[in-house]
Amino acid sequence: MNKVTERATGSADSERRVDKIIKRGSIMKKCQKCKTNEATILNADIGDFCLDCHNEYMAELLGVSITDDFSKIVSFYDAEGIMHQFEISNMIMPGFSVWKAEEIDGGYHFKILLKPEENRAWAIEQLHHKILTGLGYQTLLRWLDRNFIDNAIHLNNEQYSLKSVGTCRIQYSEKENISLVMDGKEVSLEDFGRALTAFEGFNLDFQIRDLSDEVLGKDAVLHRVSINPNVIIERFERTLGWFLEHNFLSYKYKSACEEALFERIDELELLCKYGSRDNAEEVGRKMKRRLAAIDNDTDDFPDYLLEMIDQTIRKNKL
């Protein structure tokens, strides 16, 4: 098995390791296939490829079709009406396909992971939606007061404070400087720490998430959720109880029941990401068995929920 394949199986952590291989491979070498573009993906077993040729090779290997008929450069407006331009790229790996949007002359980065066989038009739509959601949320609050504020974050002659809920990307530069990217702006750890003094005496909770996870959107907040397997199953049963009568689900309540159970499946996804893989798979099996045992007078219950559970487990095996 070649090196890229070995590093690309398993999880989003693997995808991050592949990123590092690509970056180290940015020596000026010509792609062995097209003989024109720079080879940015180095593989000792199959050769050195540019991104396009790599994708063609992987698509043929996996038996999937790819098209290049999407806009590589797109522009969107943020919450303050400022335009941001992004470069879109896609990299196909065994088991998953990485879609990225990296801001040109800015710090916004967005990423989604999908299966290689997913419809590419739908993938682009999902990535665009994520960009819009991310741009609609702001972690920094710009001060209109022109007086100097000692513990503010000072960027480009503007002063910012931290909102009580926010998000950032951890960035490590080639100069070995660690910084945080907030609202597409690079903030030093020193400036971040100074801005935190506005909340002296409060607690700070944090959770490290992959770039491919959902982003915070407008009017979104963080809240504590238990991913204890027993608690998830208890909530699952309680939610079902709202709609069942003696283990029977009427077609009248099918849609409402499915919508209510989406939240329980979201909790299963959190267990997949941050808890035990074995526990998550067991919870998924219990959910499926329980749903299959429900009597109903619908044509397709619980098919959609069963598929959602399977997708949740499969997706988080990437």
C-alpha atoms as a PDB file:
ATOM      1  CA  MET A   1       0.000   0.000   0.000  1.00  0.00           C
ATOM      2  CA  ASN A   2       1.409   3.409  -0.890  1.00  0.00           C
ATOM      3  CA  LYS A   3       2.130   6.125   1.655  1.00  0.00           C
ATOM      4  CA  VAL A   4      -0.697   8.451   0.693  1.00  0.00           C
ATOM      5  CA  THR A   5      -3.231   5.636   0.959  1.00  0.00           C
ATOM      6  CA  GLU A   6      -1.931   4.583   4.358  1.00  0.00           C
ATOM      7  CA  ARG A   7      -2.147   8.108   5.706  1.00  0.00           C
ATOM      8  CA  ALA A   8      -5.514   8.819   4.126  1.00  0.00           C
ATOM      9  CA  THR A   9      -7.591   6.105   5.767  1.00  0.00           C
ATOM     10  CA  GLY A  10      -9.411   6.389   9.051  1.00  0.00           C
ATOM     11  CA  SER A  11     -10.285   9.936  10.039  1.00  0.00           C
ATOM     12  CA  ALA A  12      -9.957  13.654   9.497  1.00  0.00           C
ATOM     13  CA  ASP A  13      -6.678  13.393  11.455  1.00  0.00           C
ATOM     14  CA  SER A  14      -5.361  11.353   8.529  1.00  0.00           C
ATOM     15  CA  GLU A  15      -6.419  14.086   6.121  1.00  0.00           C
ATOM     16  CA  ARG A  16      -4.445  16.622   8.148  1.00  0.00           C
ATOM     17  CA  ARG A  17      -1.360  14.392   7.860  1.00  0.00           C
ATOM     18  CA  VAL A  18      -1.855  14.248   4.093  1.00  0.00           C
ATOM     19  CA  ASP A  19      -1.900  18.063   4.057  1.00  0.00           C
ATOM     20  CA  LYS A  20       1.574  18.067   5.544  1.00  0.00           C
ATOM     21  CA  ILE A  21       2.829  15.652   2.910  1.00  0.00           C
ATOM     22  CA  ILE A  22       1.510  17.921   0.167  1.00  0.00           C
ATOM     23  CA  LYS A  23       3.097  21.000   1.681  1.00  0.00           C
ATOM     24  CA  ARG A  24       6.457  19.304   1.987  1.00  0.00           C
ATOM     25  CA  GLY A  25       6.065  18.241  -1.632  1.00  0.00           C
ATOM     26  CA  SER A  26       5.936  21.774  -2.954  1.00  0.00           C
ATOM     27  CA  ILE A  27       9.463  21.501  -4.367  1.00  0.00           C
ATOM     28  CA  MET A  28       9.563  22.634  -8.006  1.00  0.00           C
ATOM     29  CA  LYS A  29       8.972  19.279  -9.667  1.00  0.00           C
ATOM     30  CA  LYS A  30       6.927  18.707 -12.781  1.00  0.00           C
ATOM     31  CA  CYS A  31       3.904  16.417 -12.615  1.00  0.00           C
ATOM     32  CA  GLN A  32       4.873  13.017 -14.018  1.00  0.00           C
ATOM     33  CA  LYS A  33       1.538  12.689 -15.821  1.00  0.00           C
ATOM     34  CA  CYS A  34       0.790  16.013 -17.492  1.00  0.00           C
ATOM     35  CA  LYS A  35       4.461  17.147 -17.570  1.00  0.00           C
ATOM     36  CA  THR A  36       3.229  20.734 -17.205  1.00  0.00           C
ATOM     37  CA  ASN A  37       1.985  21.599 -13.718  1.00  0.00           C
ATOM     38  CA  GLU A  38       4.027  21.578 -10.552  1.00  0.00           C
ATOM     39  CA  ALA A  39       3.889  18.286  -8.657  1.00  0.00           C
ATOM     40  CA  THR A  40       2.446  19.060  -5.228  1.00  0.00           C
ATOM     41  CA  ILE A  41       1.605  15.491  -4.180  1.00  0.00           C
ATOM     42  CA  LEU A  42       4.625  13.231  -3.820  1.00  0.00           C
ATOM     43  CA  ASN A  43       4.157   9.475  -3.650  1.00  0.00           C
ATOM     44  CA  ALA A  44       7.069   7.070  -3.712  1.00  0.00           C
ATOM     45  CA  ASP A  45       4.965   4.216  -5.144  1.00  0.00           C
ATOM     46  CA  ILE A  46       2.939   5.828  -7.936  1.00  0.00           C
ATOM     47  CA  GLY A  47       4.789   9.053  -8.706  1.00  0.00           C
ATOM     48  CA  ASP A  48       4.596  12.798  -8.220  1.00  0.00           C
ATOM     49  CA  PHE A  49       1.360  14.434  -9.415  1.00  0.00           C
ATOM     50  CA  CYS A  50      -0.275  17.813  -9.578  1.00  0.00           C
ATOM     51  CA  LEU A  51      -3.678  18.016  -7.887  1.00  0.00           C
ATOM     52  CA  ASP A  52      -5.678  17.576 -11.114  1.00  0.00           C
ATOM     53  CA  CYS A  53      -3.752  14.488 -12.197  1.00  0.00           C
ATOM     54  CA  HIS A  54      -3.903  13.057  -8.696  1.00  0.00           C
ATOM     55  CA  ASN A  55      -7.689  13.404  -8.725  1.00  0.00           C
ATOM     56  CA  GLU A  56      -7.917  11.756 -12.141  1.00  0.00           C
ATOM     57  CA  TYR A  57      -5.817   8.852 -10.891  1.00  0.00           C
ATOM     58  CA  MET A  58      -7.858   8.450  -7.710  1.00  0.00           C
ATOM     59  CA  ALA A  59     -11.184   8.739  -9.575  1.00  0.00           C
ATOM     60  CA  GLU A  60     -10.136   5.948 -11.925  1.00  0.00           C
ATOM     61  CA  LEU A  61      -8.883   3.842  -9.021  1.00  0.00           C
ATOM     62  CA  LEU A  62     -12.133   4.290  -7.068  1.00  0.00           C
ATOM     63  CA  GLY A  63     -14.418   4.043 -10.087  1.00  0.00           C
ATOM     64  CA  VAL A  64     -16.003   7.477  -9.636  1.00  0.00           C
ATOM     65  CA  SER A  65     -16.576  10.221 -12.186  1.00  0.00           C
ATOM     66  CA  ILE A  66     -15.351  13.759 -11.698  1.00  0.00           C
ATOM     67  CA  THR A  67     -16.022  17.003 -13.530  1.00  0.00           C
ATOM     68  CA  ASP A  68     -14.290  20.342 -13.346  1.00  0.00           C
ATOM     69  CA  ASP A  69     -17.359  22.420 -14.136  1.00  0.00           C
ATOM     70  CA  PHE A  70     -17.447  24.492 -10.959  1.00  0.00           C
ATOM     71  CA  SER A  71     -16.212  28.007 -10.257  1.00  0.00           C
ATOM     72  CA  LYS A  72     -12.726  27.902  -8.772  1.00  0.00           C
ATOM     73  CA  ILE A  73     -13.023  31.507  -7.528  1.00  0.00           C
ATOM     74  CA  VAL A  74     -16.148  32.635  -5.658  1.00  0.00           C
ATOM     75  CA  SER A  75     -17.067  35.756  -3.686  1.00  0.00           C
ATOM     76  CA  PHE A  76     -19.373  36.223  -0.710  1.00  0.00           C
ATOM     77  CA  TYR A  77     -20.279  39.084   1.643  1.00  0.00           C
ATOM     78  CA  ASP A  78     -19.817  38.892   5.402  1.00  0.00           C
ATOM     79  CA  ALA A  79     -22.128  40.248   8.132  1.00  0.00           C
ATOM     80  CA  GLU A  80     -20.702  43.768   7.697  1.00  0.00           C
ATOM     81  CA  GLY A  81     -21.173  43.811   3.915  1.00  0.00           C
ATOM     82  CA  ILE A  82     -17.478  43.258   3.169  1.00  0.00           C
ATOM     83  CA  MET A  83     -16.718  41.017   0.172  1.00  0.00           C
ATOM     84  CA  HIS A  84     -14.424  38.004   0.590  1.00  0.00           C
ATOM     85  CA  GLN A  85     -12.999  36.041  -2.322  1.00  0.00           C
ATOM     86  CA  PHE A  86     -12.263  32.318  -2.025  1.00  0.00           C
ATOM     87  CA  GLU A  87     -10.363  29.752  -4.040  1.00  0.00           C
ATOM     88  CA  ILE A  88     -12.167  26.388  -4.207  1.00  0.00           C
ATOM     89  CA  SER A  89     -10.263  23.112  -4.421  1.00  0.00           C
ATOM     90  CA  ASN A  90     -11.062  19.422  -4.208  1.00  0.00           C
ATOM     91  CA  MET A  91      -8.805  16.482  -3.394  1.00  0.00           C
ATOM     92  CA  ILE A  92      -9.983  12.879  -3.717  1.00  0.00           C
ATOM     93  CA  MET A  93      -8.589  10.306  -1.310  1.00  0.00           C
ATOM     94  CA  PRO A  94      -9.480   6.661  -0.637  1.00  0.00           C
ATOM     95  CA  GLY A  95     -12.713   6.797   1.374  1.00  0.00           C
ATOM     96  CA  PHE A  96     -13.296  10.551   1.339  1.00  0.00           C
ATOM     97  CA  SER A  97     -13.169  13.694  -0.756  1.00  0.00           C
ATOM     98  CA  VAL A  98     -11.867  16.970   0.687  1.00  0.00           C
ATOM     99  CA  TRP A  99     -13.446  20.239  -0.448  1.00  0.00           C
ATOM    100  CA  LYS A 100     -11.727  23.449   0.665  1.00  0.00           C
ATOM    101  CA  ALA A 101     -12.437  27.140   0.384  1.00  0.00           C
ATOM    102  CA  GLU A 102      -9.428  29.314   1.240  1.00  0.00           C
ATOM    103  CA  GLU A 103      -9.760  33.071   1.277  1.00  0.00           C
ATOM    104  CA  ILE A 104      -7.558  34.965  -1.146  1.00  0.00           C
ATOM    105  CA  ASP A 105      -5.706  37.701   0.758  1.00  0.00           C
ATOM    106  CA  GLY A 106      -7.523  36.789   3.976  1.00  0.00           C
ATOM    107  CA  GLY A 107      -7.686  34.259   6.773  1.00  0.00           C
ATOM    108  CA  TYR A 108     -11.030  32.492   6.310  1.00  0.00           C
ATOM    109  CA  HIS A 109     -10.712  28.744   5.640  1.00  0.00           C
ATOM    110  CA  PHE A 110     -13.607  26.307   5.258  1.00  0.00           C
ATOM    111  CA  LYS A 111     -13.577  22.568   4.632  1.00  0.00           C
ATOM    112  CA  ILE A 112     -16.021  19.703   4.230  1.00  0.00           C
ATOM    113  CA  LEU A 113     -15.431  15.953   3.960  1.00  0.00           C
ATOM    114  CA  LEU A 114     -17.696  13.866   1.757  1.00  0.00           C
ATOM    115  CA  LYS A 115     -17.604  10.474   0.101  1.00  0.00           C
ATOM    116  CA  PRO A 116     -15.856  10.466  -3.308  1.00  0.00           C
ATOM    117  CA  GLU A 117     -19.037   9.279  -5.036  1.00  0.00           C
ATOM    118  CA  GLU A 118     -21.157  12.174  -3.732  1.00  0.00           C
ATOM    119  CA  ASN A 119     -22.683  14.454  -6.373  1.00  0.00           C
ATOM    120  CA  ARG A 120     -20.170  17.245  -6.968  1.00  0.00           C
ATOM    121  CA  ALA A 121     -22.826  19.907  -7.552  1.00  0.00           C
ATOM    122  CA  TRP A 122     -24.303  19.052  -4.162  1.00  0.00           C
ATOM    123  CA  ALA A 123     -20.808  19.145  -2.612  1.00  0.00           C
ATOM    124  CA  ILE A 124     -20.239  22.663  -3.953  1.00  0.00           C
ATOM    125  CA  GLU A 125     -23.631  23.715  -2.610  1.00  0.00           C
ATOM    126  CA  GLN A 126     -22.723  22.392   0.846  1.00  0.00           C
ATOM    127  CA  LEU A 127     -19.375  24.198   0.794  1.00  0.00           C
ATOM    128  CA  HIS A 128     -20.994  27.487  -0.304  1.00  0.00           C
ATOM    129  CA  HIS A 129     -23.563  27.132   2.475  1.00  0.00           C
ATOM    130  CA  LYS A 130     -20.783  26.617   5.020  1.00  0.00           C
ATOM    131  CA  ILE A 131     -18.955  29.726   3.775  1.00  0.00           C
ATOM    132  CA  LEU A 132     -22.093  31.837   4.076  1.00  0.00           C
ATOM    133  CA  THR A 133     -22.804  30.487   7.568  1.00  0.00           C
ATOM    134  CA  GLY A 134     -19.240  31.167   8.715  1.00  0.00           C
ATOM    135  CA  LEU A 135     -19.164  34.669   7.260  1.00  0.00           C
ATOM    136  CA  GLY A 136     -22.457  35.442   8.973  1.00  0.00           C
ATOM    137  CA  TYR A 137     -20.944  34.872  12.423  1.00  0.00           C
ATOM    138  CA  GLN A 138     -18.538  37.271  14.115  1.00  0.00           C
ATOM    139  CA  THR A 139     -16.343  36.593  17.130  1.00  0.00           C
ATOM    140  CA  LEU A 140     -14.852  40.090  17.273  1.00  0.00           C
ATOM    141  CA  LEU A 141     -16.851  43.181  18.177  1.00  0.00           C
ATOM    142  CA  ARG A 142     -15.504  46.360  16.549  1.00  0.00           C
ATOM    143  CA  TRP A 143     -15.344  49.406  18.805  1.00  0.00           C
ATOM    144  CA  LEU A 144     -16.708  52.600  17.289  1.00  0.00           C
ATOM    145  CA  ASP A 145     -15.180  54.628  20.137  1.00  0.00           C
ATOM    146  CA  ARG A 146     -11.951  56.201  18.847  1.00  0.00           C
ATOM    147  CA  ASN A 147     -10.428  56.476  22.332  1.00  0.00           C
ATOM    148  CA  PHE A 148      -7.579  54.017  22.901  1.00  0.00           C
ATOM    149  CA  ILE A 149      -8.729  50.890  24.755  1.00  0.00           C
ATOM    150  CA  ASP A 150      -5.843  49.195  26.533  1.00  0.00           C
ATOM    151  CA  ASN A 151      -7.142  45.615  26.507  1.00  0.00           C
ATOM    152  CA  ALA A 152      -8.653  45.705  23.004  1.00  0.00           C
ATOM    153  CA  ILE A 153      -7.334  43.753  20.018  1.00  0.00           C
ATOM    154  CA  HIS A 154      -5.736  46.269  17.673  1.00  0.00           C
ATOM    155  CA  LEU A 155      -5.790  45.367  13.958  1.00  0.00           C
ATOM    156  CA  ASN A 156      -5.380  47.701  10.977  1.00  0.00           C
ATOM    157  CA  ASN A 157      -6.147  50.842  12.986  1.00  0.00           C
ATOM    158  CA  GLU A 158      -9.321  49.280  14.378  1.00  0.00           C
ATOM    159  CA  GLN A 159     -10.073  48.137  17.930  1.00  0.00           C
ATOM    160  CA  TYR A 160     -11.953  44.921  18.712  1.00  0.00           C
ATOM    161  CA  SER A 161     -13.183  43.147  21.803  1.00  0.00           C
ATOM    162  CA  LEU A 162     -14.162  39.501  22.179  1.00  0.00           C
ATOM    163  CA  LYS A 163     -17.790  38.440  22.239  1.00  0.00           C
ATOM    164  CA  SER A 164     -18.723  36.077  25.049  1.00  0.00           C
ATOM    165  CA  VAL A 165     -19.237  33.299  22.477  1.00  0.00           C
ATOM    166  CA  GLY A 166     -16.863  32.844  19.576  1.00  0.00           C
ATOM    167  CA  THR A 167     -14.791  30.609  17.357  1.00  0.00           C
ATOM    168  CA  CYS A 168     -11.298  30.714  15.903  1.00  0.00           C
ATOM    169  CA  ARG A 169      -8.824  28.648  13.900  1.00  0.00           C
ATOM    170  CA  ILE A 170      -5.467  27.724  15.384  1.00  0.00           C
ATOM    171  CA  GLN A 171      -2.655  28.745  13.033  1.00  0.00           C
ATOM    172  CA  TYR A 172       1.029  27.858  13.194  1.00  0.00           C
ATOM    173  CA  SER A 173       3.210  29.873  10.839  1.00  0.00           C
ATOM    174  CA  GLU A 174       6.558  28.946   9.270  1.00  0.00           C
ATOM    175  CA  LYS A 175       8.199  31.426  11.669  1.00  0.00           C
ATOM    176  CA  GLU A 176       7.018  29.173  14.522  1.00  0.00           C
ATOM    177  CA  ASN A 177       4.500  31.733  15.704  1.00  0.00           C
ATOM    178  CA  ILE A 178       1.167  30.484  16.995  1.00  0.00           C
ATOM    179  CA  SER A 179      -1.836  32.712  16.373  1.00  0.00           C
ATOM    180  CA  LEU A 180      -5.616  32.516  16.222  1.00  0.00           C
ATOM    181  CA  VAL A 181      -7.663  33.464  13.168  1.00  0.00           C
ATOM    182  CA  MET A 182     -10.932  35.172  14.104  1.00  0.00           C
ATOM    183  CA  ASP A 183     -13.338  36.545  11.501  1.00  0.00           C
ATOM    184  CA  GLY A 184     -10.578  35.986   8.948  1.00  0.00           C
ATOM    185  CA  LYS A 185      -8.151  38.163  10.941  1.00  0.00           C
ATOM    186  CA  GLU A 186      -4.940  36.914  12.546  1.00  0.00           C
ATOM    187  CA  VAL A 187      -4.812  37.589  16.285  1.00  0.00           C
ATOM    188  CA  SER A 188      -1.689  36.918  18.332  1.00  0.00           C
ATOM    189  CA  LEU A 189      -1.938  34.885  21.511  1.00  0.00           C
ATOM    190  CA  GLU A 190      -0.707  37.930  23.422  1.00  0.00           C
ATOM    191  CA  ASP A 191      -3.526  40.108  22.064  1.00  0.00           C
ATOM    192  CA  PHE A 192      -6.060  37.342  22.684  1.00  0.00           C
ATOM    193  CA  GLY A 193      -4.911  36.964  26.278  1.00  0.00           C
ATOM    194  CA  ARG A 194      -5.093  40.692  26.882  1.00  0.00           C
ATOM    195  CA  ALA A 195      -8.636  40.831  25.461  1.00  0.00           C
ATOM    196  CA  LEU A 196      -9.657  38.022  27.827  1.00  0.00           C
ATOM    197  CA  THR A 197      -9.015  40.291  30.794  1.00  0.00           C
ATOM    198  CA  ALA A 198     -12.425  41.845  30.054  1.00  0.00           C
ATOM    199  CA  PHE A 199     -13.863  38.545  31.373  1.00  0.00           C
ATOM    200  CA  GLU A 200     -11.652  38.242  34.451  1.00  0.00           C
ATOM    201  CA  GLY A 201     -13.266  35.970  37.036  1.00  0.00           C
ATOM    202  CA  PHE A 202     -15.351  34.021  34.487  1.00  0.00           C
ATOM    203  CA  ASN A 203     -14.816  30.448  33.299  1.00  0.00           C
ATOM    204  CA  LEU A 204     -13.681  29.664  29.774  1.00  0.00           C
ATOM    205  CA  ASP A 205     -14.847  26.355  28.242  1.00  0.00           C
ATOM    206  CA  PHE A 206     -13.236  25.194  25.027  1.00  0.00           C
ATOM    207  CA  GLN A 207     -13.601  22.381  22.524  1.00  0.00           C
ATOM    208  CA  ILE A 208     -11.154  21.629  19.710  1.00  0.00           C
ATOM    209  CA  ARG A 209     -12.993  20.702  16.506  1.00  0.00           C
ATOM    210  CA  ASP A 210     -11.876  19.733  13.028  1.00  0.00           C
ATOM    211  CA  LEU A 211     -12.121  22.361  10.292  1.00  0.00           C
ATOM    212  CA  SER A 212     -14.597  20.108   8.482  1.00  0.00           C
ATOM    213  CA  ASP A 213     -17.088  20.235  11.391  1.00  0.00           C
ATOM    214  CA  GLU A 214     -20.058  22.587  11.331  1.00  0.00           C
ATOM    215  CA  VAL A 215     -19.270  26.262  11.889  1.00  0.00           C
ATOM    216  CA  LEU A 216     -20.983  28.645  14.268  1.00  0.00           C
ATOM    217  CA  GLY A 217     -23.595  30.708  12.449  1.00  0.00           C
ATOM    218  CA  LYS A 218     -25.557  33.832  13.203  1.00  0.00           C
ATOM    219  CA  ASP A 219     -27.480  33.652  16.504  1.00  0.00           C
ATOM    220  CA  ALA A 220     -25.712  30.370  17.417  1.00  0.00           C
ATOM    221  CA  VAL A 221     -24.335  29.609  20.888  1.00  0.00           C
ATOM    222  CA  LEU A 222     -22.530  26.709  22.510  1.00  0.00           C
ATOM    223  CA  HIS A 223     -24.224  24.515  25.093  1.00  0.00           C
ATOM    224  CA  ARG A 224     -23.226  21.498  27.164  1.00  0.00           C
ATOM    225  CA  VAL A 225     -24.429  18.148  25.857  1.00  0.00           C
ATOM    226  CA  SER A 226     -23.874  14.817  27.573  1.00  0.00           C
ATOM    227  CA  ILE A 227     -22.540  12.098  25.275  1.00  0.00           C
ATOM    228  CA  ASN A 228     -22.929   9.368  27.887  1.00  0.00           C
ATOM    229  CA  PRO A 229     -24.370   6.421  25.890  1.00  0.00           C
ATOM    230  CA  ASN A 230     -27.033   5.679  28.523  1.00  0.00           C
ATOM    231  CA  VAL A 231     -28.145   9.318  28.585  1.00  0.00           C
ATOM    232  CA  ILE A 232     -28.421   9.404  24.789  1.00  0.00           C
ATOM    233  CA  ILE A 233     -30.590   6.265  24.767  1.00  0.00           C
ATOM    234  CA  GLU A 234     -32.764   7.646  27.591  1.00  0.00           C
ATOM    235  CA  ARG A 235     -33.353  10.853  25.623  1.00  0.00           C
ATOM    236  CA  PHE A 236     -34.055   8.788  22.516  1.00  0.00           C
ATOM    237  CA  GLU A 237     -36.731   6.778  24.348  1.00  0.00           C
ATOM    238  CA  ARG A 238     -38.210   9.917  25.931  1.00  0.00           C
ATOM    239  CA  THR A 239     -38.501  11.579  22.535  1.00  0.00           C
ATOM    240  CA  LEU A 240     -40.185   8.504  21.061  1.00  0.00           C
ATOM    241  CA  GLY A 241     -42.616   8.537  23.970  1.00  0.00           C
ATOM    242  CA  TRP A 242     -43.995  11.877  22.848  1.00  0.00           C
ATOM    243  CA  PHE A 243     -45.391  10.275  19.687  1.00  0.00           C
ATOM    244  CA  LEU A 244     -46.048   6.599  20.458  1.00  0.00           C
ATOM    245  CA  GLU A 245     -49.197   5.083  21.882  1.00  0.00           C
ATOM    246  CA  HIS A 246     -48.609   1.521  23.072  1.00  0.00           C
ATOM    247  CA  ASN A 247     -45.598   1.298  20.728  1.00  0.00           C
ATOM    248  CA  PHE A 248     -47.691   2.441  17.737  1.00  0.00           C
ATOM    249  CA  LEU A 249     -46.844   5.472  15.604  1.00  0.00           C
ATOM    250  CA  SER A 250     -49.646   7.012  13.582  1.00  0.00           C
ATOM    251  CA  TYR A 251     -48.904   8.450  10.141  1.00  0.00           C
ATOM    252  CA  LYS A 252     -50.218  11.745  11.545  1.00  0.00           C
ATOM    253  CA  TYR A 253     -47.141  12.074  13.772  1.00  0.00           C
ATOM    254  CA  LYS A 254     -44.499  10.535  11.479  1.00  0.00           C
ATOM    255  CA  SER A 255     -42.929  13.809  10.279  1.00  0.00           C
ATOM    256  CA  ALA A 256     -42.934  15.397  13.738  1.00  0.00           C
ATOM    257  CA  CYS A 257     -41.390  12.250  15.241  1.00  0.00           C
ATOM    258  CA  GLU A 258     -38.616  12.137  12.649  1.00  0.00           C
ATOM    259  CA  GLU A 259     -37.815  15.816  13.117  1.00  0.00           C
ATOM    260  CA  ALA A 260     -37.632  15.407  16.902  1.00  0.00           C
ATOM    261  CA  LEU A 261     -35.323  12.399  16.567  1.00  0.00           C
ATOM    262  CA  PHE A 262     -32.870  14.342  14.400  1.00  0.00           C
ATOM    263  CA  GLU A 263     -31.572  15.962  17.602  1.00  0.00           C
ATOM    264  CA  ARG A 264     -30.951  12.547  19.151  1.00  0.00           C
ATOM    265  CA  ILE A 265     -29.017  11.493  16.044  1.00  0.00           C
ATOM    266  CA  ASP A 266     -26.998  14.708  16.366  1.00  0.00           C
ATOM    267  CA  GLU A 267     -26.036  13.524  19.853  1.00  0.00           C
ATOM    268  CA  LEU A 268     -24.979  10.191  18.355  1.00  0.00           C
ATOM    269  CA  GLU A 269     -22.722  12.122  15.993  1.00  0.00           C
ATOM    270  CA  LEU A 270     -21.110  13.940  18.938  1.00  0.00           C
ATOM    271  CA  LEU A 271     -20.495  10.575  20.588  1.00  0.00           C
ATOM    272  CA  CYS A 272     -18.850   9.386  17.354  1.00  0.00           C
ATOM    273  CA  LYS A 273     -16.540  12.403  17.276  1.00  0.00           C
ATOM    274  CA  TYR A 274     -15.648  12.896  20.915  1.00  0.00           C
ATOM    275  CA  GLY A 275     -16.426   9.616  22.652  1.00  0.00           C
ATOM    276  CA  SER A 276     -15.759   5.920  22.195  1.00  0.00           C
ATOM    277  CA  ARG A 277     -16.166   4.528  18.692  1.00  0.00           C
ATOM    278  CA  ASP A 278     -17.404   1.198  20.072  1.00  0.00           C
ATOM    279  CA  ASN A 279     -19.974   2.949  22.278  1.00  0.00           C
ATOM    280  CA  ALA A 280     -21.207   5.019  19.339  1.00  0.00           C
ATOM    281  CA  GLU A 281     -21.693   1.963  17.156  1.00  0.00           C
ATOM    282  CA  GLU A 282     -23.545   0.148  19.959  1.00  0.00           C
ATOM    283  CA  VAL A 283     -25.830   3.163  20.536  1.00  0.00           C
ATOM    284  CA  GLY A 284     -26.495   3.268  16.797  1.00  0.00           C
ATOM    285  CA  ARG A 285     -27.458  -0.412  16.799  1.00  0.00           C
ATOM    286  CA  LYS A 286     -29.800   0.088  19.762  1.00  0.00           C
ATOM    287  CA  MET A 287     -31.488   3.027  18.050  1.00  0.00           C
ATOM    288  CA  LYS A 288     -32.006   1.011  14.870  1.00  0.00           C
ATOM    289  CA  ARG A 289     -33.412  -2.014  16.722  1.00  0.00           C
ATOM    290  CA  ARG A 290     -35.817   0.182  18.663  1.00  0.00           C
ATOM    291  CA  LEU A 291     -37.050   1.966  15.550  1.00  0.00           C
ATOM    292  CA  ALA A 292     -37.521  -1.296  13.660  1.00  0.00           C
ATOM    293  CA  ALA A 293     -39.703  -2.632  16.507  1.00  0.00           C
ATOM    294  CA  ILE A 294     -42.238   0.225  16.311  1.00  0.00           C
ATOM    295  CA  ASP A 295     -45.622  -0.594  14.810  1.00  0.00           C
ATOM    296  CA  ASN A 296     -46.911   2.052  12.406  1.00  0.00           C
ATOM    297  CA  ASP A 297     -49.330   2.689   9.561  1.00  0.00           C
ATOM    298  CA  THR A 298     -46.892   4.577   7.304  1.00  0.00           C
ATOM    299  CA  ASP A 299     -45.329   3.432   4.059  1.00  0.00           C
ATOM    300  CA  ASP A 300     -41.671   4.047   4.875  1.00  0.00           C
ATOM    301  CA  PHE A 301     -41.083   4.566   8.591  1.00  0.00           C
ATOM    302  CA  PRO A 302     -38.340   4.256   9.876  1.00  0.00           C
ATOM    303  CA  ASP A 303     -36.297   3.936   6.640  1.00  0.00           C
ATOM    304  CA  TYR A 304     -35.031   7.523   6.573  1.00  0.00           C
ATOM    305  CA  LEU A 305     -33.974   7.485  10.237  1.00  0.00           C
ATOM    306  CA  LEU A 306     -32.169   4.154   9.796  1.00  0.00           C
ATOM    307  CA  GLU A 307     -30.244   5.611   6.851  1.00  0.00           C
ATOM    308  CA  MET A 308     -29.365   8.728   8.869  1.00  0.00           C
ATOM    309  CA  ILE A 309     -27.963   6.598  11.686  1.00  0.00           C
ATOM    310  CA  ASP A 310     -25.889   4.547   9.238  1.00  0.00           C
ATOM    311  CA  GLN A 311     -24.613   7.692   7.536  1.00  0.00           C
ATOM    312  CA  THR A 312     -23.658   9.220  10.884  1.00  0.00           C
ATOM    313  CA  ILE A 313     -21.590   6.180  11.819  1.00  0.00           C
ATOM    314  CA  ARG A 314     -20.004   5.884   8.357  1.00  0.00           C
ATOM    315  CA  LYS A 315     -19.244   9.594   8.028  1.00  0.00           C
ATOM    316  CA  ASN A 316     -17.333   9.674  11.276  1.00  0.00           C
ATOM    317  CA  LYS A 317     -15.200   6.725  10.264  1.00  0.00           C
ATOM    318  CA  LEU A 318     -13.554   8.930   7.621  1.00  0.00           C
END
